[in-house]
Amino acid sequence: MFRGVAKLTLDGKGRLGIPAKYRDLLAVQCEGRLIVTADPSQCLLVYPLPEWEPIEKKLVALSSFNPQSRSLQRLLVGNATDVELDSAGRILVAPPLRDFAGLGKDVVLVGQGNKFELWDAARWDEQMNAALAFRDGGMPPELEGFSL
C-alpha cells in the first residue's frame, strides 16, 4: 500500500530516487520492475508491473473503433514505459514522459494505494489548491454522506 507525499528531485539525467520506505516493498512486490505512463491529468502514473498488467489487458481489450477508448489506449498504453529500480533505488523517467507532465527539477511522488502519481511540484500545489475548493461546495455526488 502506497500512501503519502514525498517531495523529491529529478537529477540532470531524469533519474528519480524512490523513497527508501517503498524500496523493500517494491523489491518484493515486483522485483523493482515498474511501469511509468501518462495520465489524463498531466501527471505520470507509476505502477508496480503486476498492478499494471491487468489494467493494460483491459485497455487493450477496448474497442479501437470507439474514439474515446482509442484515445485512452494511445495515452496510457502508448506511453507505458518499463523501468527498473537501479542499485541506488532510482528509476529513469523518459524525456517524452517528463515533457508530457511538465516535470522540472522539483517533483512530488504521491502514494495512491496500488500506484504512485508523479507531479511537477508547482502543478501539485495547484492540484492541492483546487482540492480545497471542496470546502466551498462542489462535492461530487458519489461523496454525498461520506465522512472522515
Protein backbone atom coordinates (compact mmCIF):
# COMPACT_ATOMS: atom_id res chain seq x y z
CA MET A 1 0.00 0.00 0.00
CA PHE A 2 1.48 3.31 -1.12
CA ARG A 3 0.38 6.43 0.69
CA GLY A 4 1.79 9.81 1.50
CA VAL A 5 3.51 12.64 -0.33
CA ALA A 6 7.26 12.81 -0.92
CA LYS A 7 8.95 15.94 -2.28
CA LEU A 8 11.83 14.76 -4.46
CA THR A 9 14.30 15.98 -7.05
CA LEU A 10 14.88 14.74 -10.59
CA ASP A 11 18.57 14.73 -11.39
CA GLY A 12 20.01 16.12 -14.63
CA LYS A 13 19.58 12.76 -16.38
CA GLY A 14 15.93 12.43 -15.37
CA ARG A 15 16.52 9.90 -12.60
CA LEU A 16 14.19 9.81 -9.62
CA GLY A 17 15.18 8.31 -6.29
CA ILE A 18 12.31 6.25 -4.90
CA PRO A 19 11.94 6.87 -1.15
CA ALA A 20 13.57 4.17 0.98
CA LYS A 21 10.29 3.30 2.72
CA TYR A 22 8.93 1.95 -0.61
CA ARG A 23 12.04 0.23 -1.97
CA ASP A 24 11.78 -3.01 0.02
CA LEU A 25 8.10 -3.33 -0.78
CA LEU A 26 8.78 -2.79 -4.49
CA ALA A 27 11.62 -5.33 -4.41
CA VAL A 28 9.23 -7.94 -3.02
CA GLN A 29 6.10 -6.96 -4.95
CA CYS A 30 7.61 -6.56 -8.41
CA GLU A 31 11.37 -7.18 -8.18
CA GLY A 32 11.83 -3.44 -8.77
CA ARG A 33 10.06 -3.57 -12.17
CA LEU A 34 7.71 -0.65 -12.71
CA ILE A 35 5.64 0.94 -15.44
CA VAL A 36 5.57 4.72 -15.90
CA THR A 37 2.84 6.13 -18.10
CA ALA A 38 0.91 9.32 -18.84
CA ASP A 39 -2.29 10.26 -17.02
CA PRO A 40 -5.08 12.48 -18.41
CA SER A 41 -4.44 14.90 -15.52
CA GLN A 42 -0.97 15.57 -16.99
CA CYS A 43 0.90 13.81 -14.26
CA LEU A 44 2.61 10.43 -14.56
CA LEU A 45 1.41 7.17 -13.11
CA VAL A 46 3.96 4.75 -11.65
CA TYR A 47 2.72 1.18 -11.25
CA PRO A 48 4.43 -1.95 -9.97
CA LEU A 49 4.39 -4.24 -13.01
CA PRO A 50 1.93 -6.79 -11.51
CA GLU A 51 -0.55 -3.97 -10.76
CA TRP A 52 -0.26 -2.56 -14.29
CA GLU A 53 -0.69 -5.79 -16.27
CA PRO A 54 -4.46 -6.31 -15.61
CA ILE A 55 -5.11 -2.64 -16.38
CA GLU A 56 -3.22 -2.89 -19.65
CA LYS A 57 -5.13 -6.06 -20.53
CA LYS A 58 -8.46 -4.27 -20.02
CA LEU A 59 -7.33 -1.25 -22.01
CA VAL A 60 -6.13 -3.33 -24.94
CA ALA A 61 -9.46 -5.21 -24.96
CA LEU A 62 -11.43 -1.97 -25.50
CA SER A 63 -12.82 -1.36 -28.97
CA SER A 64 -10.41 0.51 -31.19
CA PHE A 65 -13.46 1.76 -33.13
CA ASN A 66 -14.60 3.91 -30.21
CA PRO A 67 -12.69 7.22 -30.46
CA GLN A 68 -12.61 7.79 -26.69
CA SER A 69 -11.39 4.26 -25.98
CA ARG A 70 -8.77 4.58 -28.69
CA SER A 71 -7.56 7.88 -27.25
CA LEU A 72 -7.25 6.34 -23.80
CA GLN A 73 -5.33 3.37 -25.26
CA ARG A 74 -2.95 5.74 -27.01
CA LEU A 75 -2.40 7.79 -23.89
CA LEU A 76 -1.97 5.03 -21.33
CA VAL A 77 -0.66 2.03 -23.26
CA GLY A 78 1.15 4.04 -25.90
CA ASN A 79 3.14 5.93 -23.29
CA ALA A 80 3.72 3.00 -20.93
CA THR A 81 7.44 2.61 -20.31
CA ASP A 82 9.13 -0.25 -18.46
CA VAL A 83 11.63 0.90 -15.83
CA GLU A 84 13.65 -0.85 -13.13
CA LEU A 85 14.98 0.34 -9.85
CA ASP A 86 18.75 0.63 -10.14
CA SER A 87 21.18 -0.30 -7.37
CA ALA A 88 20.72 3.18 -5.85
CA GLY A 89 16.91 2.85 -5.80
CA ARG A 90 16.34 5.21 -8.73
CA ILE A 91 14.24 4.99 -11.87
CA LEU A 92 14.84 6.81 -15.13
CA VAL A 93 11.87 8.87 -16.30
CA ALA A 94 11.97 9.02 -20.11
CA PRO A 95 12.22 12.51 -21.68
CA PRO A 96 8.87 12.27 -23.54
CA LEU A 97 7.10 11.47 -20.27
CA ARG A 98 8.92 14.26 -18.42
CA ASP A 99 7.84 16.66 -21.17
CA PHE A 100 4.23 15.41 -21.09
CA ALA A 101 3.93 16.02 -17.34
CA GLY A 102 5.97 19.24 -17.43
CA LEU A 103 8.36 17.84 -14.84
CA GLY A 104 11.05 20.18 -13.68
CA LYS A 105 13.72 19.53 -11.10
CA ASP A 106 11.31 19.60 -8.13
CA VAL A 107 8.69 16.84 -8.21
CA VAL A 108 6.20 15.19 -5.88
CA LEU A 109 5.59 11.44 -5.61
CA VAL A 110 2.09 10.77 -4.27
CA GLY A 111 1.04 7.35 -2.99
CA GLN A 112 -2.34 6.27 -4.34
CA GLY A 113 -2.79 2.80 -2.86
CA ASN A 114 -1.64 0.46 -5.62
CA LYS A 115 0.31 3.09 -7.60
CA PHE A 116 2.01 6.46 -7.40
CA GLU A 117 1.33 9.73 -9.16
CA LEU A 118 4.37 11.79 -10.14
CA TRP A 119 3.75 15.53 -10.38
CA ASP A 120 5.78 18.62 -11.08
CA ALA A 121 5.88 20.34 -7.68
CA ALA A 122 4.20 23.55 -8.91
CA ARG A 123 1.40 21.60 -10.62
CA TRP A 124 0.93 19.55 -7.45
CA ASP A 125 0.46 22.78 -5.47
CA GLU A 126 -2.22 23.81 -8.00
CA GLN A 127 -3.96 20.45 -7.50
CA MET A 128 -3.97 20.91 -3.73
CA ASN A 129 -5.42 24.41 -4.06
CA ALA A 130 -8.15 23.04 -6.33
CA ALA A 131 -8.87 20.27 -3.81
CA LEU A 132 -9.52 22.90 -1.16
CA ALA A 133 -12.37 24.20 -3.32
CA PHE A 134 -14.47 21.32 -1.94
CA ARG A 135 -14.77 23.36 1.24
CA ASP A 136 -16.87 25.84 -0.73
CA GLY A 137 -19.27 23.29 -2.23
CA GLY A 138 -18.99 21.38 -5.48
CA MET A 139 -18.82 17.99 -3.77
CA PRO A 140 -19.20 15.14 -6.29
CA PRO A 141 -22.44 13.15 -5.84
CA GLU A 142 -20.57 9.92 -5.05
CA LEU A 143 -19.16 11.62 -1.94
CA GLU A 144 -22.56 12.65 -0.54
CA GLY A 145 -22.73 11.37 3.02
CA PHE A 146 -19.01 10.50 3.10
CA SER A 147 -17.41 11.27 6.41
CA LEU A 148 -13.82 11.38 7.62
